[in-house]
N, C-alpha and C. Protein backbone atom coordinates (compact mmCIF):
# COMPACT_ATOMS: atom_id res chain seq x y z
N MET A 1 23.92 88.48 103.41
CA MET A 1 23.72 89.21 102.21
C MET A 1 25.06 89.29 101.35
N LYS A 2 26.16 89.12 102.01
CA LYS A 2 27.47 89.17 101.37
C LYS A 2 27.58 87.95 100.42
N ALA A 3 27.07 86.73 100.88
CA ALA A 3 27.19 85.55 100.02
C ALA A 3 26.34 85.68 98.74
N LYS A 4 25.17 86.31 98.80
CA LYS A 4 24.34 86.53 97.68
C LYS A 4 25.04 87.56 96.67
N ASN A 5 25.75 88.59 97.21
CA ASN A 5 26.49 89.54 96.31
C ASN A 5 27.61 88.81 95.69
N ASP A 6 28.30 87.90 96.34
CA ASP A 6 29.37 87.17 95.77
C ASP A 6 28.88 86.27 94.62
N GLU A 7 27.67 85.58 94.92
CA GLU A 7 27.09 84.77 93.96
C GLU A 7 26.58 85.58 92.65
N ARG A 8 26.10 86.78 92.92
CA ARG A 8 25.67 87.64 91.88
C ARG A 8 26.91 88.07 91.00
N ARG A 9 27.98 88.32 91.64
CA ARG A 9 29.21 88.74 90.92
C ARG A 9 29.70 87.55 90.08
N VAL A 10 29.73 86.40 90.61
CA VAL A 10 30.09 85.22 89.89
C VAL A 10 29.20 85.00 88.74
N ALA A 11 27.85 85.14 88.91
CA ALA A 11 26.90 85.00 87.90
C ALA A 11 27.13 85.92 86.72
N LEU A 12 27.46 87.15 87.06
CA LEU A 12 27.77 88.20 85.99
C LEU A 12 29.02 87.83 85.22
N GLU A 13 30.05 87.31 85.91
CA GLU A 13 31.31 86.87 85.30
C GLU A 13 31.04 85.79 84.31
N MET A 14 30.17 84.78 84.81
CA MET A 14 29.85 83.56 84.03
C MET A 14 29.12 84.06 82.78
N ARG A 15 28.19 84.95 82.92
CA ARG A 15 27.41 85.43 81.76
C ARG A 15 28.33 86.22 80.76
N ILE A 16 29.25 86.94 81.23
CA ILE A 16 30.22 87.63 80.37
C ILE A 16 31.05 86.57 79.62
N ASP A 17 31.36 85.50 80.31
CA ASP A 17 32.16 84.42 79.68
C ASP A 17 31.34 83.56 78.70
N GLY A 18 30.05 83.85 78.65
CA GLY A 18 29.22 83.12 77.62
C GLY A 18 28.28 82.06 78.20
N TYR A 19 28.22 81.85 79.49
CA TYR A 19 27.31 80.90 80.03
C TYR A 19 25.86 81.31 79.83
N SER A 20 25.05 80.29 79.67
CA SER A 20 23.57 80.61 79.58
C SER A 20 22.98 80.70 80.91
N VAL A 21 21.73 81.26 81.02
CA VAL A 21 21.03 81.37 82.39
C VAL A 21 20.96 79.98 83.05
N PRO A 22 20.40 78.92 82.36
CA PRO A 22 20.31 77.70 82.91
C PRO A 22 21.66 77.14 83.45
N GLN A 23 22.66 77.31 82.70
CA GLN A 23 23.97 76.83 83.10
C GLN A 23 24.45 77.59 84.44
N ILE A 24 24.22 78.89 84.46
CA ILE A 24 24.59 79.72 85.61
C ILE A 24 23.84 79.17 86.80
N ALA A 25 22.46 78.93 86.67
CA ALA A 25 21.65 78.53 87.72
C ALA A 25 22.14 77.15 88.28
N VAL A 26 22.44 76.29 87.43
CA VAL A 26 22.95 74.87 87.89
C VAL A 26 24.26 75.03 88.62
N GLU A 27 25.23 75.80 88.06
CA GLU A 27 26.50 75.98 88.60
C GLU A 27 26.46 76.64 89.99
N LEU A 28 25.57 77.67 90.16
CA LEU A 28 25.59 78.38 91.48
C LEU A 28 24.52 77.76 92.47
N GLY A 29 23.70 76.82 92.00
CA GLY A 29 22.69 76.27 92.85
C GLY A 29 21.52 77.12 93.10
N VAL A 30 21.21 78.00 92.22
CA VAL A 30 20.01 78.93 92.43
C VAL A 30 19.01 78.60 91.35
N SER A 31 17.85 79.20 91.48
CA SER A 31 16.80 78.90 90.46
C SER A 31 17.13 79.77 89.14
N LYS A 32 16.51 79.27 88.09
CA LYS A 32 16.79 79.96 86.78
C LYS A 32 16.25 81.34 86.82
N SER A 33 15.16 81.66 87.53
CA SER A 33 14.59 82.97 87.55
C SER A 33 15.56 83.88 88.28
N THR A 34 16.17 83.42 89.43
CA THR A 34 17.20 84.27 90.17
C THR A 34 18.41 84.51 89.27
N ALA A 35 18.86 83.51 88.52
CA ALA A 35 20.09 83.71 87.70
C ALA A 35 19.67 84.78 86.60
N TYR A 36 18.42 84.63 86.18
CA TYR A 36 18.02 85.58 85.07
C TYR A 36 17.89 86.99 85.64
N LEU A 37 17.35 87.14 86.86
CA LEU A 37 17.34 88.48 87.40
C LEU A 37 18.59 89.09 87.62
N TRP A 38 19.58 88.29 88.00
CA TRP A 38 20.98 88.84 88.22
C TRP A 38 21.66 89.18 86.86
N THR A 39 21.31 88.58 85.81
CA THR A 39 22.11 88.74 84.60
C THR A 39 21.33 89.31 83.42
N ARG A 40 20.08 89.68 83.61
CA ARG A 40 19.21 90.08 82.48
C ARG A 40 19.70 91.32 81.64
N HIS A 41 20.44 92.14 82.29
CA HIS A 41 20.96 93.29 81.59
C HIS A 41 22.27 92.99 80.70
N LEU A 42 22.74 91.75 80.85
CA LEU A 42 23.89 91.41 79.99
C LEU A 42 23.43 90.48 78.88
N PRO A 43 23.77 90.88 77.62
CA PRO A 43 23.30 89.93 76.51
C PRO A 43 24.22 88.73 76.53
N LEU A 44 23.73 87.57 76.08
CA LEU A 44 24.48 86.34 75.96
C LEU A 44 25.53 86.56 74.98
N ASP A 45 25.21 87.22 73.82
CA ASP A 45 26.19 87.33 72.75
C ASP A 45 26.66 88.77 72.66
N ARG A 46 28.01 88.93 72.44
CA ARG A 46 28.53 90.26 72.29
C ARG A 46 28.24 90.88 70.97
N THR A 47 28.16 90.08 69.92
CA THR A 47 27.91 90.65 68.59
C THR A 47 26.81 89.85 67.92
N PRO A 48 26.17 90.41 66.89
CA PRO A 48 25.22 89.69 66.06
C PRO A 48 25.78 88.42 65.44
N ALA A 49 27.00 88.41 65.09
CA ALA A 49 27.63 87.19 64.48
C ALA A 49 27.76 86.13 65.52
N GLU A 50 28.09 86.44 66.82
CA GLU A 50 28.11 85.44 67.82
C GLU A 50 26.73 84.86 68.08
N ARG A 51 25.70 85.69 68.00
CA ARG A 51 24.23 85.21 68.20
C ARG A 51 23.93 84.22 67.11
N GLU A 52 24.27 84.59 65.88
CA GLU A 52 23.93 83.74 64.73
C GLU A 52 24.65 82.40 64.84
N GLU A 53 25.89 82.44 65.26
CA GLU A 53 26.67 81.22 65.38
C GLU A 53 26.12 80.33 66.52
N ARG A 54 25.79 80.90 67.64
CA ARG A 54 25.19 80.18 68.71
C ARG A 54 23.84 79.55 68.27
N GLN A 55 22.95 80.34 67.61
CA GLN A 55 21.73 79.82 67.14
C GLN A 55 21.96 78.71 66.13
N ARG A 56 22.91 78.82 65.25
CA ARG A 56 23.23 77.75 64.22
C ARG A 56 23.67 76.49 64.99
N ARG A 57 24.51 76.57 65.93
CA ARG A 57 24.87 75.42 66.74
C ARG A 57 23.80 74.74 67.39
N HIS A 58 22.95 75.60 68.00
CA HIS A 58 21.71 75.05 68.74
C HIS A 58 20.79 74.34 67.75
N MET A 59 20.51 74.96 66.60
CA MET A 59 19.69 74.27 65.63
C MET A 59 20.31 72.94 65.12
N GLU A 60 21.58 72.99 64.92
CA GLU A 60 22.21 71.76 64.40
C GLU A 60 22.11 70.69 65.50
N HIS A 61 22.30 71.12 66.76
CA HIS A 61 22.14 70.10 67.91
C HIS A 61 20.78 69.58 67.93
N MET A 62 19.78 70.47 67.92
CA MET A 62 18.38 69.97 67.92
C MET A 62 18.03 69.10 66.74
N ARG A 63 18.52 69.38 65.55
CA ARG A 63 18.29 68.57 64.41
C ARG A 63 18.89 67.18 64.56
N GLU A 64 20.10 67.20 65.00
CA GLU A 64 20.77 65.88 65.30
C GLU A 64 20.00 65.04 66.35
N ALA A 65 19.60 65.68 67.35
CA ALA A 65 18.88 65.03 68.50
C ALA A 65 17.57 64.49 67.99
N ARG A 66 16.95 65.18 67.11
CA ARG A 66 15.63 64.69 66.55
C ARG A 66 15.72 63.54 65.58
N TRP A 67 16.82 63.61 64.64
CA TRP A 67 16.87 62.70 63.60
C TRP A 67 17.73 61.56 63.89
N GLU A 68 18.59 61.57 64.88
CA GLU A 68 19.50 60.40 65.15
C GLU A 68 18.77 59.10 65.42
N PRO A 69 17.74 59.08 66.21
CA PRO A 69 16.94 57.72 66.33
C PRO A 69 16.48 57.24 65.04
N HIS A 70 15.97 58.12 64.20
CA HIS A 70 15.41 57.62 62.89
C HIS A 70 16.55 57.17 62.01
N ARG A 71 17.72 57.81 62.05
CA ARG A 71 18.83 57.36 61.33
C ARG A 71 19.31 55.96 61.73
N ARG A 72 19.40 55.80 63.02
CA ARG A 72 19.86 54.48 63.61
C ARG A 72 18.83 53.34 63.19
N ALA A 73 17.53 53.63 63.30
CA ALA A 73 16.60 52.68 62.91
C ALA A 73 16.71 52.38 61.43
N ARG A 74 16.82 53.42 60.63
CA ARG A 74 16.90 53.21 59.14
C ARG A 74 18.16 52.39 58.81
N ASP A 75 19.26 52.69 59.41
CA ASP A 75 20.56 51.95 59.14
C ASP A 75 20.43 50.54 59.58
N ALA A 76 19.79 50.31 60.75
CA ALA A 76 19.69 48.88 61.24
C ALA A 76 18.67 48.09 60.28
N ASP A 77 17.66 48.80 59.76
CA ASP A 77 16.73 48.11 58.83
C ASP A 77 17.43 47.87 57.54
N ARG A 78 18.29 48.82 57.01
CA ARG A 78 19.04 48.57 55.78
C ARG A 78 20.07 47.41 55.99
N ALA A 79 20.70 47.32 57.09
CA ALA A 79 21.66 46.27 57.38
C ALA A 79 20.94 44.90 57.38
N ALA A 80 19.79 44.84 58.07
CA ALA A 80 19.01 43.59 58.17
C ALA A 80 18.59 43.19 56.73
N THR A 81 18.15 44.07 55.95
CA THR A 81 17.66 43.71 54.56
C THR A 81 18.81 43.28 53.78
N HIS A 82 19.98 43.93 53.94
CA HIS A 82 21.23 43.53 53.16
C HIS A 82 21.59 42.12 53.56
N GLU A 83 21.60 41.86 54.88
CA GLU A 83 21.96 40.52 55.27
C GLU A 83 20.95 39.40 54.74
N ARG A 84 19.76 39.72 54.85
CA ARG A 84 18.69 38.83 54.33
C ARG A 84 18.83 38.55 52.87
N LEU A 85 19.13 39.59 52.02
CA LEU A 85 19.26 39.42 50.61
C LEU A 85 20.54 38.73 50.23
N VAL A 86 21.56 39.03 51.01
CA VAL A 86 22.89 38.28 50.75
C VAL A 86 22.67 36.80 51.02
N GLU A 87 21.91 36.41 52.06
CA GLU A 87 21.68 35.04 52.27
C GLU A 87 20.77 34.44 51.21
N TRP A 88 19.82 35.23 50.71
CA TRP A 88 18.89 34.71 49.68
C TRP A 88 19.56 34.53 48.32
N VAL A 89 20.39 35.53 47.95
CA VAL A 89 21.03 35.47 46.70
C VAL A 89 22.19 34.39 46.67
N GLY A 90 22.87 34.33 47.71
CA GLY A 90 24.01 33.37 47.84
C GLY A 90 25.21 33.77 47.08
N GLU A 91 26.02 32.82 46.68
CA GLU A 91 27.29 33.09 46.01
C GLU A 91 26.96 33.42 44.54
N VAL A 92 27.62 34.49 44.02
CA VAL A 92 27.38 34.88 42.60
C VAL A 92 28.71 34.75 41.90
N THR A 93 28.65 34.14 40.74
CA THR A 93 29.95 33.95 40.00
C THR A 93 30.18 35.20 39.16
N ASP A 94 31.45 35.33 38.67
CA ASP A 94 31.82 36.41 37.78
C ASP A 94 30.94 36.46 36.56
N ARG A 95 30.64 35.26 35.97
CA ARG A 95 29.80 35.17 34.80
C ARG A 95 28.49 35.73 35.04
N GLU A 96 27.85 35.40 36.27
CA GLU A 96 26.47 35.88 36.55
C GLU A 96 26.55 37.39 36.67
N VAL A 97 27.53 37.98 37.31
CA VAL A 97 27.66 39.44 37.40
C VAL A 97 27.79 40.05 36.03
N LEU A 98 28.58 39.51 35.11
CA LEU A 98 28.75 39.99 33.84
C LEU A 98 27.42 39.95 33.02
N LEU A 99 26.72 38.82 33.17
CA LEU A 99 25.37 38.68 32.47
C LEU A 99 24.38 39.74 32.99
N ALA A 100 24.31 39.83 34.37
CA ALA A 100 23.36 40.79 34.94
C ALA A 100 23.70 42.24 34.45
N GLY A 101 25.00 42.59 34.36
CA GLY A 101 25.41 43.92 33.92
C GLY A 101 25.03 44.12 32.51
N ALA A 102 25.31 43.10 31.65
CA ALA A 102 24.99 43.24 30.19
C ALA A 102 23.53 43.44 30.04
N ILE A 103 22.72 42.65 30.80
CA ILE A 103 21.18 42.79 30.63
C ILE A 103 20.78 44.17 31.04
N ALA A 104 21.30 44.70 32.19
CA ALA A 104 20.93 45.97 32.64
C ALA A 104 21.32 47.07 31.64
N TYR A 105 22.50 46.93 31.03
CA TYR A 105 22.94 47.88 30.04
C TYR A 105 22.09 47.85 28.86
N TRP A 106 21.71 46.61 28.41
CA TRP A 106 20.91 46.43 27.14
C TRP A 106 19.47 47.04 27.48
N CYS A 107 18.94 46.71 28.67
CA CYS A 107 17.55 47.28 28.91
C CYS A 107 17.58 48.76 29.05
N GLU A 108 18.64 49.33 29.61
CA GLU A 108 18.67 50.84 29.72
C GLU A 108 18.67 51.46 28.39
N GLY A 109 19.38 50.92 27.35
CA GLY A 109 19.36 51.45 26.05
C GLY A 109 18.09 51.26 25.37
N ALA A 110 17.27 50.39 25.77
CA ALA A 110 15.97 50.09 25.01
C ALA A 110 14.83 51.00 25.47
N LYS A 111 15.10 51.80 26.52
CA LYS A 111 14.01 52.65 27.02
C LYS A 111 13.70 53.74 26.09
N GLN A 112 12.44 54.12 26.05
CA GLN A 112 12.01 55.33 25.28
C GLN A 112 12.22 56.57 26.25
N LYS A 113 13.17 57.45 25.92
CA LYS A 113 13.31 58.54 26.80
C LYS A 113 12.76 59.79 26.09
N PRO A 114 12.16 60.70 26.80
CA PRO A 114 11.46 61.84 26.25
C PRO A 114 12.53 62.77 25.53
N ARG A 115 13.65 62.84 26.05
CA ARG A 115 14.73 63.73 25.47
C ARG A 115 15.26 63.09 24.22
N THR A 116 15.02 61.85 23.89
CA THR A 116 15.54 61.16 22.68
C THR A 116 14.40 60.53 22.00
N SER A 117 13.16 61.13 21.99
CA SER A 117 12.04 60.49 21.38
C SER A 117 12.33 60.26 19.90
N ARG A 118 12.04 59.09 19.44
CA ARG A 118 12.24 58.70 18.08
C ARG A 118 10.87 58.47 17.44
N PRO A 119 10.71 58.79 16.17
CA PRO A 119 9.43 58.54 15.49
C PRO A 119 9.29 56.99 15.40
N PRO A 120 8.09 56.51 15.29
CA PRO A 120 7.94 55.04 15.12
C PRO A 120 8.61 54.58 13.76
N PRO A 121 9.02 53.33 13.73
CA PRO A 121 9.72 52.86 12.57
C PRO A 121 8.82 52.91 11.34
N VAL A 122 9.29 53.35 10.25
CA VAL A 122 8.46 53.45 8.99
C VAL A 122 8.40 52.02 8.40
N GLY A 123 7.13 51.70 8.10
CA GLY A 123 6.95 50.41 7.42
C GLY A 123 6.96 49.18 8.37
N GLY A 124 7.34 49.34 9.50
CA GLY A 124 7.50 48.21 10.47
C GLY A 124 6.11 47.96 11.10
N PRO A 125 5.96 46.79 11.73
CA PRO A 125 4.78 46.49 12.37
C PRO A 125 4.55 47.31 13.61
N THR A 126 3.32 47.68 13.84
CA THR A 126 3.03 48.46 15.00
C THR A 126 1.82 47.80 15.72
N TRP A 127 1.80 47.97 17.03
CA TRP A 127 0.76 47.27 17.85
C TRP A 127 -0.48 48.31 17.83
N SER A 128 -1.63 47.73 17.55
CA SER A 128 -2.84 48.57 17.54
C SER A 128 -3.54 48.29 18.82
N ALA A 129 -3.58 49.37 19.60
CA ALA A 129 -4.27 49.29 20.91
C ALA A 129 -5.68 49.94 20.80
N CYS A 130 -6.39 49.47 19.88
CA CYS A 130 -7.75 49.99 19.63
C CYS A 130 -8.66 49.41 20.69
N PRO A 131 -9.78 50.21 20.98
CA PRO A 131 -10.83 49.58 21.85
C PRO A 131 -11.39 48.39 21.23
N ARG A 132 -12.09 47.60 22.01
CA ARG A 132 -12.73 46.40 21.46
C ARG A 132 -13.33 46.63 20.16
N GLY A 133 -12.97 45.75 19.22
CA GLY A 133 -13.53 45.84 17.89
C GLY A 133 -12.91 44.92 17.05
N SER A 134 -13.05 44.92 15.75
CA SER A 134 -12.59 43.90 14.82
C SER A 134 -11.05 43.96 14.69
N SER A 135 -10.46 45.13 14.94
CA SER A 135 -9.06 45.18 14.78
C SER A 135 -8.25 45.31 16.09
N ALA A 136 -9.02 45.09 17.21
CA ALA A 136 -8.37 45.20 18.51
C ALA A 136 -7.30 44.09 18.74
N GLY A 137 -6.26 44.40 19.20
CA GLY A 137 -5.17 43.37 19.48
C GLY A 137 -4.56 42.78 18.26
N ARG A 138 -4.47 43.56 17.20
CA ARG A 138 -3.84 43.11 15.93
C ARG A 138 -2.64 43.97 15.59
N PHE A 139 -1.70 43.28 15.01
CA PHE A 139 -0.56 43.99 14.41
C PHE A 139 -0.98 44.56 13.08
N SER A 140 -0.21 45.45 12.60
CA SER A 140 -0.56 46.10 11.27
C SER A 140 -0.60 45.07 10.19
N SER A 141 -0.01 43.90 10.36
CA SER A 141 -0.04 42.86 9.34
C SER A 141 -1.28 42.12 9.34
N GLY A 142 -2.20 42.39 10.40
CA GLY A 142 -3.53 41.71 10.46
C GLY A 142 -3.54 40.41 11.25
N THR A 143 -2.38 40.09 11.84
CA THR A 143 -2.35 38.84 12.67
C THR A 143 -2.21 39.26 14.14
N SER A 144 -2.51 38.26 14.99
CA SER A 144 -2.27 38.63 16.43
C SER A 144 -0.81 38.29 16.94
N ARG A 145 -0.04 37.74 16.03
CA ARG A 145 1.37 37.46 16.34
C ARG A 145 2.29 38.47 15.64
N PRO A 146 3.31 38.77 16.37
CA PRO A 146 4.27 39.72 15.74
C PRO A 146 5.03 39.11 14.60
N PRO A 147 5.44 39.80 13.53
CA PRO A 147 5.98 39.21 12.38
C PRO A 147 7.28 38.42 12.57
N PHE A 148 8.00 38.64 13.66
CA PHE A 148 9.23 37.98 13.95
C PHE A 148 9.05 36.62 14.64
N GLY A 149 7.78 36.15 14.74
CA GLY A 149 7.54 34.91 15.41
C GLY A 149 7.34 34.97 16.92
N GLY A 150 6.85 33.90 17.48
CA GLY A 150 6.59 33.84 18.88
C GLY A 150 5.34 34.45 19.20
N THR A 151 5.16 34.76 20.54
CA THR A 151 3.91 35.51 20.98
C THR A 151 4.33 36.90 21.46
N SER A 152 3.44 37.86 21.42
CA SER A 152 3.80 39.19 21.81
C SER A 152 3.69 39.31 23.33
N GLY A 153 2.93 38.39 23.93
CA GLY A 153 2.74 38.55 25.46
C GLY A 153 1.70 39.61 25.77
N ILE A 154 1.06 40.21 24.69
CA ILE A 154 0.06 41.22 24.94
C ILE A 154 -1.29 40.54 24.63
N PRO A 155 -2.33 40.78 25.45
CA PRO A 155 -3.62 40.12 25.11
C PRO A 155 -4.12 40.63 23.81
N THR A 156 -4.77 39.65 23.13
CA THR A 156 -5.20 39.99 21.71
C THR A 156 -6.68 40.28 21.67
N GLY A 157 -7.42 40.41 22.73
CA GLY A 157 -8.79 40.87 22.69
C GLY A 157 -9.73 39.79 22.40
N GLY A 158 -9.32 38.53 22.50
CA GLY A 158 -10.21 37.41 22.35
C GLY A 158 -10.31 36.97 20.84
N ALA A 159 -9.60 37.51 19.96
CA ALA A 159 -9.77 37.16 18.59
C ALA A 159 -8.98 35.91 18.16
């Protein structure tokens, strides 16, 4: 019985030092229920702040354990996609980079943004998106071609 009392004393000291019941059970070679019975009157945390900190660390550990495989798979997929696209694109010259940047800049400025909505141009040609009828697919000038020449790329409704 003396050995059990010594183990119980060690369990209490370990609990006071902040060990959890499973850690105490493993360290002393007893079941978790025995370790709990010996230490149940001692709280794991001395203050509410210690409890919150322990719970925060535990939640962080659980979150990391849950998401780490997903992150590794995502990163591997991104790296494979990057390698595949680098191989597909090949070598890019400074001129090509400049042209791509200029086109992106130009296209960004051409967007209609709700915060900067502008009224339609006064007197300019407008596209008529009427349902099928005599004026479907016509510009305000009455033709199916825009006034600046070329084709609009928009279907004209068969007219």
